[in-house]
Each structure stands twice: as structure tokens, then as C-alpha cells.
PDB file of all heavy atoms in Angstrom:
ATOM      1  N   THR A   1       0.829  -1.201   0.000  1.00  0.00           N
ATOM      2  CA  THR A   1       0.000   0.000   0.000  1.00  0.00           C
ATOM      3  C   THR A   1       0.868   1.257   0.000  1.00  0.00           C
ATOM      4  O   THR A   1       2.069   1.193   0.305  1.00  0.00           O
ATOM      5  CB  THR A   1      -0.892   0.027   1.249  1.00  0.00           C
ATOM      6  OG1 THR A   1      -0.043   0.135   2.416  1.00  0.00           O
ATOM      7  CG2 THR A   1      -1.730  -1.240   1.347  1.00  0.00           C
ATOM      8  N   PRO A   2       0.285   2.414  -0.327  1.00  0.00           N
ATOM      9  CA  PRO A   2       1.048   3.665  -0.195  1.00  0.00           C
ATOM     10  C   PRO A   2       1.584   3.875   1.214  1.00  0.00           C
ATOM     11  O   PRO A   2       2.666   4.433   1.396  1.00  0.00           O
ATOM     12  CB  PRO A   2       0.007   4.732  -0.573  1.00  0.00           C
ATOM     13  CG  PRO A   2      -0.951   4.029  -1.478  1.00  0.00           C
ATOM     14  CD  PRO A   2      -1.033   2.627  -0.943  1.00  0.00           C
ATOM     15  N   GLU A   3       0.838   3.404   2.225  1.00  0.00           N
ATOM     16  CA  GLU A   3       1.306   3.534   3.600  1.00  0.00           C
ATOM     17  C   GLU A   3       2.569   2.712   3.844  1.00  0.00           C
ATOM     18  O   GLU A   3       3.473   3.131   4.586  1.00  0.00           O
ATOM     19  CB  GLU A   3       0.202   3.091   4.577  1.00  0.00           C
ATOM     20  CG  GLU A   3      -1.003   4.006   4.633  1.00  0.00           C
ATOM     21  CD  GLU A   3      -1.907   3.892   3.408  1.00  0.00           C
ATOM     22  OE1 GLU A   3      -1.847   2.837   2.716  1.00  0.00           O
ATOM     23  OE2 GLU A   3      -2.662   4.847   3.141  1.00  0.00           O
ATOM     24  N   THR A   4       2.640   1.536   3.207  1.00  0.00           N
ATOM     25  CA  THR A   4       3.842   0.707   3.324  1.00  0.00           C
ATOM     26  C   THR A   4       5.041   1.431   2.733  1.00  0.00           C
ATOM     27  O   THR A   4       6.114   1.473   3.338  1.00  0.00           O
ATOM     28  CB  THR A   4       3.641  -0.633   2.611  1.00  0.00           C
ATOM     29  OG1 THR A   4       2.535  -1.326   3.207  1.00  0.00           O
ATOM     30  CG2 THR A   4       4.884  -1.500   2.719  1.00  0.00           C
ATOM     31  N   ARG A   5       4.862   1.994   1.550  1.00  0.00           N
ATOM     32  CA  ARG A   5       5.965   2.717   0.917  1.00  0.00           C
ATOM     33  C   ARG A   5       6.351   3.948   1.733  1.00  0.00           C
ATOM     34  O   ARG A   5       7.531   4.291   1.836  1.00  0.00           O
ATOM     35  CB  ARG A   5       5.580   3.099  -0.517  1.00  0.00           C
ATOM     36  CG  ARG A   5       5.494   1.901  -1.454  1.00  0.00           C
ATOM     37  CD  ARG A   5       5.368   2.323  -2.905  1.00  0.00           C
ATOM     38  NE  ARG A   5       4.082   2.933  -3.193  1.00  0.00           N
ATOM     39  CZ  ARG A   5       3.004   2.272  -3.615  1.00  0.00           C
ATOM     40  NH1 ARG A   5       3.069   0.962  -3.794  1.00  0.00           N
ATOM     41  NH2 ARG A   5       1.869   2.902  -3.872  1.00  0.00           N
ATOM     42  N   ALA A   6       5.352   4.603   2.331  1.00  0.00           N
ATOM     43  CA  ALA A   6       5.643   5.781   3.159  1.00  0.00           C
ATOM     44  C   ALA A   6       6.439   5.402   4.399  1.00  0.00           C
ATOM     45  O   ALA A   6       7.205   6.205   4.936  1.00  0.00           O
ATOM     46  CB  ALA A   6       4.345   6.472   3.562  1.00  0.00           C
ATOM     47  N   GLY A   7       6.291   4.140   4.852  1.00  0.00           N
ATOM     48  CA  GLY A   7       7.037   3.693   6.018  1.00  0.00           C
ATOM     49  C   GLY A   7       8.531   3.718   5.804  1.00  0.00           C
ATOM     50  O   GLY A   7       9.308   3.793   6.774  1.00  0.00           O
ATOM     51  N   LEU A   8       8.966   3.667   4.560  1.00  0.00           N
ATOM     52  CA  LEU A   8      10.392   3.741   4.272  1.00  0.00           C
ATOM     53  C   LEU A   8      10.994   5.036   4.818  1.00  0.00           C
ATOM     54  O   LEU A   8      12.117   5.048   5.329  1.00  0.00           O
ATOM     55  CB  LEU A   8      10.612   3.636   2.762  1.00  0.00           C
ATOM     56  CG  LEU A   8      12.048   3.537   2.244  1.00  0.00           C
ATOM     57  CD1 LEU A   8      12.066   2.773   0.934  1.00  0.00           C
ATOM     58  CD2 LEU A   8      12.668   4.914   2.025  1.00  0.00           C
ATOM     59  N   LYS A   9      10.250   6.149   4.715  1.00  0.00           N
ATOM     60  CA  LYS A   9      10.757   7.431   5.221  1.00  0.00           C
ATOM     61  C   LYS A   9      10.952   7.377   6.732  1.00  0.00           C
ATOM     62  O   LYS A   9      11.937   7.900   7.256  1.00  0.00           O
ATOM     63  CB  LYS A   9       9.802   8.555   4.845  1.00  0.00           C
ATOM     64  CG  LYS A   9       9.665   8.818   3.365  1.00  0.00           C
ATOM     65  CD  LYS A   9       8.747  10.009   3.118  1.00  0.00           C
ATOM     66  CE  LYS A   9       8.559  10.280   1.647  1.00  0.00           C
ATOM     67  NZ  LYS A   9       7.693  11.453   1.399  1.00  0.00           N
ATOM     68  N   ASP A  10       9.996   6.762   7.429  1.00  0.00           N
ATOM     69  CA  ASP A  10      10.117   6.657   8.890  1.00  0.00           C
ATOM     70  C   ASP A  10      11.337   5.832   9.274  1.00  0.00           C
ATOM     71  O   ASP A  10      12.080   6.180  10.203  1.00  0.00           O
ATOM     72  CB  ASP A  10       8.859   6.013   9.470  1.00  0.00           C
ATOM     73  CG  ASP A  10       7.621   6.873   9.277  1.00  0.00           C
ATOM     74  OD1 ASP A  10       7.765   8.104   9.174  1.00  0.00           O
ATOM     75  OD2 ASP A  10       6.510   6.303   9.215  1.00  0.00           O
ATOM     76  N   VAL A  11      11.544   4.723   8.562  1.00  0.00           N
ATOM     77  CA  VAL A  11      12.689   3.865   8.851  1.00  0.00           C
ATOM     78  C   VAL A  11      13.988   4.602   8.547  1.00  0.00           C
ATOM     79  O   VAL A  11      14.959   4.524   9.322  1.00  0.00           O
ATOM     80  CB  VAL A  11      12.589   2.555   8.040  1.00  0.00           C
ATOM     81  CG1 VAL A  11      13.885   1.753   8.141  1.00  0.00           C
ATOM     82  CG2 VAL A  11      11.414   1.720   8.528  1.00  0.00           C
ATOM     83  N   LEU A  12      14.023   5.332   7.447  1.00  0.00           N
ATOM     84  CA  LEU A  12      15.238   6.067   7.081  1.00  0.00           C
ATOM     85  C   LEU A  12      15.585   7.104   8.145  1.00  0.00           C
ATOM     86  O   LEU A  12      16.753   7.233   8.552  1.00  0.00           O
ATOM     87  CB  LEU A  12      15.041   6.734   5.721  1.00  0.00           C
ATOM     88  CG  LEU A  12      16.264   7.343   5.051  1.00  0.00           C
ATOM     89  CD1 LEU A  12      17.338   6.292   4.812  1.00  0.00           C
ATOM     90  CD2 LEU A  12      15.876   8.010   3.733  1.00  0.00           C
ATOM     91  N   ARG A  13      14.582   7.832   8.629  1.00  0.00           N
ATOM     92  CA  ARG A  13      14.850   8.826   9.676  1.00  0.00           C
ATOM     93  C   ARG A  13      15.351   8.155  10.951  1.00  0.00           C
ATOM     94  O   ARG A  13      16.289   8.644  11.596  1.00  0.00           O
ATOM     95  CB  ARG A  13      13.576   9.632   9.969  1.00  0.00           C
ATOM     96  CG  ARG A  13      13.281  10.721   8.955  1.00  0.00           C
ATOM     97  CD  ARG A  13      12.190  11.639   9.451  1.00  0.00           C
ATOM     98  NE  ARG A  13      10.893  10.973   9.489  1.00  0.00           N
ATOM     99  CZ  ARG A  13      10.046  10.941   8.484  1.00  0.00           C
ATOM    100  NH1 ARG A  13      10.340  11.541   7.351  1.00  0.00           N
ATOM    101  NH2 ARG A  13       8.880  10.324   8.611  1.00  0.00           N
ATOM    102  N   PHE A  14      14.720   7.051  11.319  1.00  0.00           N
ATOM    103  CA  PHE A  14      15.108   6.312  12.520  1.00  0.00           C
ATOM    104  C   PHE A  14      16.569   5.870  12.432  1.00  0.00           C
ATOM    105  O   PHE A  14      17.341   6.030  13.384  1.00  0.00           O
ATOM    106  CB  PHE A  14      14.183   5.107  12.677  1.00  0.00           C
ATOM    107  CG  PHE A  14      14.550   4.169  13.787  1.00  0.00           C
ATOM    108  CD1 PHE A  14      14.108   4.390  15.080  1.00  0.00           C
ATOM    109  CD2 PHE A  14      15.333   3.039  13.543  1.00  0.00           C
ATOM    110  CE1 PHE A  14      14.440   3.518  16.111  1.00  0.00           C
ATOM    111  CE2 PHE A  14      15.666   2.165  14.566  1.00  0.00           C
ATOM    112  CZ  PHE A  14      15.219   2.407  15.853  1.00  0.00           C
ATOM    113  N   GLU A  15      16.962   5.332  11.283  1.00  0.00           N
ATOM    114  CA  GLU A  15      18.311   4.788  11.156  1.00  0.00           C
ATOM    115  C   GLU A  15      19.348   5.881  10.966  1.00  0.00           C
ATOM    116  O   GLU A  15      20.493   5.735  11.430  1.00  0.00           O
ATOM    117  CB  GLU A  15      18.332   3.760  10.024  1.00  0.00           C
ATOM    118  CG  GLU A  15      17.477   2.552  10.386  1.00  0.00           C
ATOM    119  CD  GLU A  15      17.475   1.432   9.369  1.00  0.00           C
ATOM    120  OE1 GLU A  15      17.823   1.680   8.189  1.00  0.00           O
ATOM    121  OE2 GLU A  15      17.117   0.296   9.745  1.00  0.00           O
ATOM    122  N   GLU A  16      19.002   6.983  10.324  1.00  0.00           N
ATOM    123  CA  GLU A  16      19.962   8.087  10.219  1.00  0.00           C
ATOM    124  C   GLU A  16      20.330   8.623  11.601  1.00  0.00           C
ATOM    125  O   GLU A  16      21.483   8.999  11.842  1.00  0.00           O
ATOM    126  CB  GLU A  16      19.379   9.219   9.369  1.00  0.00           C
ATOM    127  CG  GLU A  16      19.489   8.998   7.877  1.00  0.00           C
ATOM    128  CD  GLU A  16      19.319  10.284   7.101  1.00  0.00           C
ATOM    129  OE1 GLU A  16      18.330  11.004   7.357  1.00  0.00           O
ATOM    130  OE2 GLU A  16      20.176  10.593   6.259  1.00  0.00           O
ATOM    131  N   LYS A  17      19.372   8.684  12.524  1.00  0.00           N
ATOM    132  CA  LYS A  17      19.656   9.192  13.874  1.00  0.00           C
ATOM    133  C   LYS A  17      20.640   8.293  14.609  1.00  0.00           C
ATOM    134  O   LYS A  17      21.411   8.767  15.460  1.00  0.00           O
ATOM    135  CB  LYS A  17      18.356   9.298  14.671  1.00  0.00           C
ATOM    136  CG  LYS A  17      17.443  10.426  14.202  1.00  0.00           C
ATOM    137  CD  LYS A  17      16.152  10.444  15.009  1.00  0.00           C
ATOM    138  CE  LYS A  17      15.231  11.557  14.528  1.00  0.00           C
ATOM    139  NZ  LYS A  17      13.936  11.564  15.264  1.00  0.00           N
ATOM    140  N   ARG A  18      20.654   7.023  14.280  1.00  0.00           N
ATOM    141  CA  ARG A  18      21.505   6.079  15.002  1.00  0.00           C
ATOM    142  C   ARG A  18      22.798   5.734  14.263  1.00  0.00           C
ATOM    143  O   ARG A  18      23.800   5.421  14.891  1.00  0.00           O
ATOM    144  CB  ARG A  18      20.699   4.797  15.279  1.00  0.00           C
ATOM    145  CG  ARG A  18      19.650   5.041  16.361  1.00  0.00           C
ATOM    146  CD  ARG A  18      18.428   4.167  16.239  1.00  0.00           C
ATOM    147  NE  ARG A  18      17.466   4.532  17.287  1.00  0.00           N
ATOM    148  CZ  ARG A  18      16.602   5.542  17.173  1.00  0.00           C
ATOM    149  NH1 ARG A  18      16.572   6.283  16.078  1.00  0.00           N
ATOM    150  NH2 ARG A  18      15.773   5.815  18.164  1.00  0.00           N
ATOM    151  N   PHE A  19      22.763   5.805  12.919  1.00  0.00           N
ATOM    152  CA  PHE A  19      23.923   5.381  12.128  1.00  0.00           C
ATOM    153  C   PHE A  19      24.621   6.529  11.409  1.00  0.00           C
ATOM    154  O   PHE A  19      25.724   6.341  10.900  1.00  0.00           O
ATOM    155  CB  PHE A  19      23.493   4.353  11.077  1.00  0.00           C
ATOM    156  CG  PHE A  19      22.704   3.191  11.610  1.00  0.00           C
ATOM    157  CD1 PHE A  19      21.734   2.578  10.832  1.00  0.00           C
ATOM    158  CD2 PHE A  19      22.930   2.697  12.897  1.00  0.00           C
ATOM    159  CE1 PHE A  19      21.010   1.497  11.322  1.00  0.00           C
ATOM    160  CE2 PHE A  19      22.206   1.622  13.393  1.00  0.00           C
ATOM    161  CZ  PHE A  19      21.238   1.021  12.603  1.00  0.00           C
ATOM    162  N   GLY A  20      23.992   7.699  11.348  1.00  0.00           N
ATOM    163  CA  GLY A  20      24.553   8.811  10.593  1.00  0.00           C
ATOM    164  C   GLY A  20      23.843   8.980   9.260  1.00  0.00           C
ATOM    165  O   GLY A  20      22.914   8.253   8.919  1.00  0.00           O
ATOM    166  N   ALA A  21      24.290   9.945   8.485  1.00  0.00           N
ATOM    167  CA  ALA A  21      23.611  10.306   7.245  1.00  0.00           C
ATOM    168  C   ALA A  21      23.522   9.132   6.279  1.00  0.00           C
ATOM    169  O   ALA A  21      24.475   8.350   6.133  1.00  0.00           O
ATOM    170  CB  ALA A  21      24.332  11.473   6.580  1.00  0.00           C
ATOM    171  N   TYR A  22      22.392   9.026   5.601  1.00  0.00           N
ATOM    172  CA  TYR A  22      22.200   7.996   4.572  1.00  0.00           C
ATOM    173  C   TYR A  22      23.312   8.119   3.532  1.00  0.00           C
ATOM    174  O   TYR A  22      23.606   9.203   3.045  1.00  0.00           O
ATOM    175  CB  TYR A  22      20.828   8.179   3.928  1.00  0.00           C
ATOM    176  CG  TYR A  22      20.524   7.204   2.814  1.00  0.00           C
ATOM    177  CD1 TYR A  22      20.267   5.859   3.089  1.00  0.00           C
ATOM    178  CD2 TYR A  22      20.490   7.627   1.492  1.00  0.00           C
ATOM    179  CE1 TYR A  22      19.984   4.964   2.068  1.00  0.00           C
ATOM    180  CE2 TYR A  22      20.200   6.738   0.459  1.00  0.00           C
ATOM    181  CZ  TYR A  22      19.957   5.417   0.756  1.00  0.00           C
ATOM    182  OH  TYR A  22      19.674   4.527  -0.253  1.00  0.00           O
ATOM    183  N   PRO A  23      23.947   7.003   3.144  1.00  0.00           N
ATOM    184  CA  PRO A  23      25.191   7.104   2.363  1.00  0.00           C
ATOM    185  C   PRO A  23      25.042   7.193   0.846  1.00  0.00           C
ATOM    186  O   PRO A  23      26.051   7.374   0.162  1.00  0.00           O
ATOM    187  CB  PRO A  23      25.929   5.811   2.731  1.00  0.00           C
ATOM    188  CG  PRO A  23      24.844   4.832   3.059  1.00  0.00           C
ATOM    189  CD  PRO A  23      23.745   5.639   3.675  1.00  0.00           C
ATOM    190  N   PHE A  24      23.820   7.081   0.291  1.00  0.00           N
ATOM    191  CA  PHE A  24      23.700   6.991  -1.165  1.00  0.00           C
ATOM    192  C   PHE A  24      22.886   8.134  -1.765  1.00  0.00           C
ATOM    193  O   PHE A  24      22.281   8.926  -1.050  1.00  0.00           O
ATOM    194  CB  PHE A  24      23.100   5.632  -1.554  1.00  0.00           C
ATOM    195  CG  PHE A  24      23.952   4.469  -1.147  1.00  0.00           C
ATOM    196  CD1 PHE A  24      23.496   3.541  -0.230  1.00  0.00           C
ATOM    197  CD2 PHE A  24      25.235   4.323  -1.655  1.00  0.00           C
ATOM    198  CE1 PHE A  24      24.282   2.476   0.166  1.00  0.00           C
ATOM    199  CE2 PHE A  24      26.042   3.264  -1.267  1.00  0.00           C
ATOM    200  CZ  PHE A  24      25.567   2.336  -0.353  1.00  0.00           C
ATOM    201  N   THR A  25      22.869   8.187  -3.097  1.00  0.00           N
ATOM    202  CA  THR A  25      22.243   9.300  -3.806  1.00  0.00           C
ATOM    203  C   THR A  25      20.729   9.162  -3.905  1.00  0.00           C
ATOM    204  O   THR A  25      20.032  10.148  -4.153  1.00  0.00           O
ATOM    205  CB  THR A  25      22.808   9.406  -5.231  1.00  0.00           C
ATOM    206  OG1 THR A  25      22.591   8.165  -5.923  1.00  0.00           O
ATOM    207  CG2 THR A  25      24.301   9.718  -5.207  1.00  0.00           C
ATOM    208  N   SER A  26      20.184   7.949  -3.751  1.00  0.00           N
ATOM    209  CA  SER A  26      18.739   7.743  -3.850  1.00  0.00           C
ATOM    210  C   SER A  26      18.365   6.512  -3.051  1.00  0.00           C
ATOM    211  O   SER A  26      19.230   5.768  -2.563  1.00  0.00           O
ATOM    212  CB  SER A  26      18.306   7.582  -5.312  1.00  0.00           C
ATOM    213  OG  SER A  26      18.811   6.370  -5.858  1.00  0.00           O
ATOM    214  N   THR A  27      17.065   6.282  -2.919  1.00  0.00           N
ATOM    215  CA  THR A  27      16.582   5.112  -2.201  1.00  0.00           C
ATOM    216  C   THR A  27      15.294   4.635  -2.851  1.00  0.00           C
ATOM    217  O   THR A  27      14.887   5.117  -3.903  1.00  0.00           O
ATOM    218  CB  THR A  27      16.404   5.405  -0.697  1.00  0.00           C
ATOM    219  OG1 THR A  27      16.128   4.192  -0.005  1.00  0.00           O
ATOM    220  CG2 THR A  27      15.293   6.403  -0.448  1.00  0.00           C
ATOM    221  N   GLY A  28      14.626   3.660  -2.218  1.00  0.00           N
ATOM    222  CA  GLY A  28      13.395   3.119  -2.754  1.00  0.00           C
ATOM    223  C   GLY A  28      13.274   1.645  -2.452  1.00  0.00           C
ATOM    224  O   GLY A  28      13.924   1.114  -1.541  1.00  0.00           O
ATOM    225  N   MET A  29      12.442   0.956  -3.242  1.00  0.00           N
ATOM    226  CA  MET A  29      12.257  -0.479  -3.053  1.00  0.00           C
ATOM    227  C   MET A  29      11.819  -1.112  -4.372  1.00  0.00           C
ATOM    228  O   MET A  29      11.287  -0.438  -5.255  1.00  0.00           O
ATOM    229  CB  MET A  29      11.223  -0.766  -1.959  1.00  0.00           C
ATOM    230  CG  MET A  29       9.830  -0.253  -2.247  1.00  0.00           C
ATOM    231  SD  MET A  29       8.635  -0.704  -0.940  1.00  0.00           S
ATOM    232  CE  MET A  29       9.243   0.255   0.442  1.00  0.00           C
TER     233      MET A  29
END
């Protein structure tokens, strides 16, 4: 669902706070 795809943003924010800035030029699934 669109909500599932939107969850990627939440996960990315969560992991950036713990691991540092996202390392690549783009993302997705």
C-alpha cells in the first residue's frame, strides 16, 4: 500500500539518527 511505501521514510529517519547520514544518492524499493 502507499502507507507501506511511506514507512520507508520513517525507517530512514530512525536509522539516520543512530547510524549517521544515509550514504547513497537515492533510495526506494
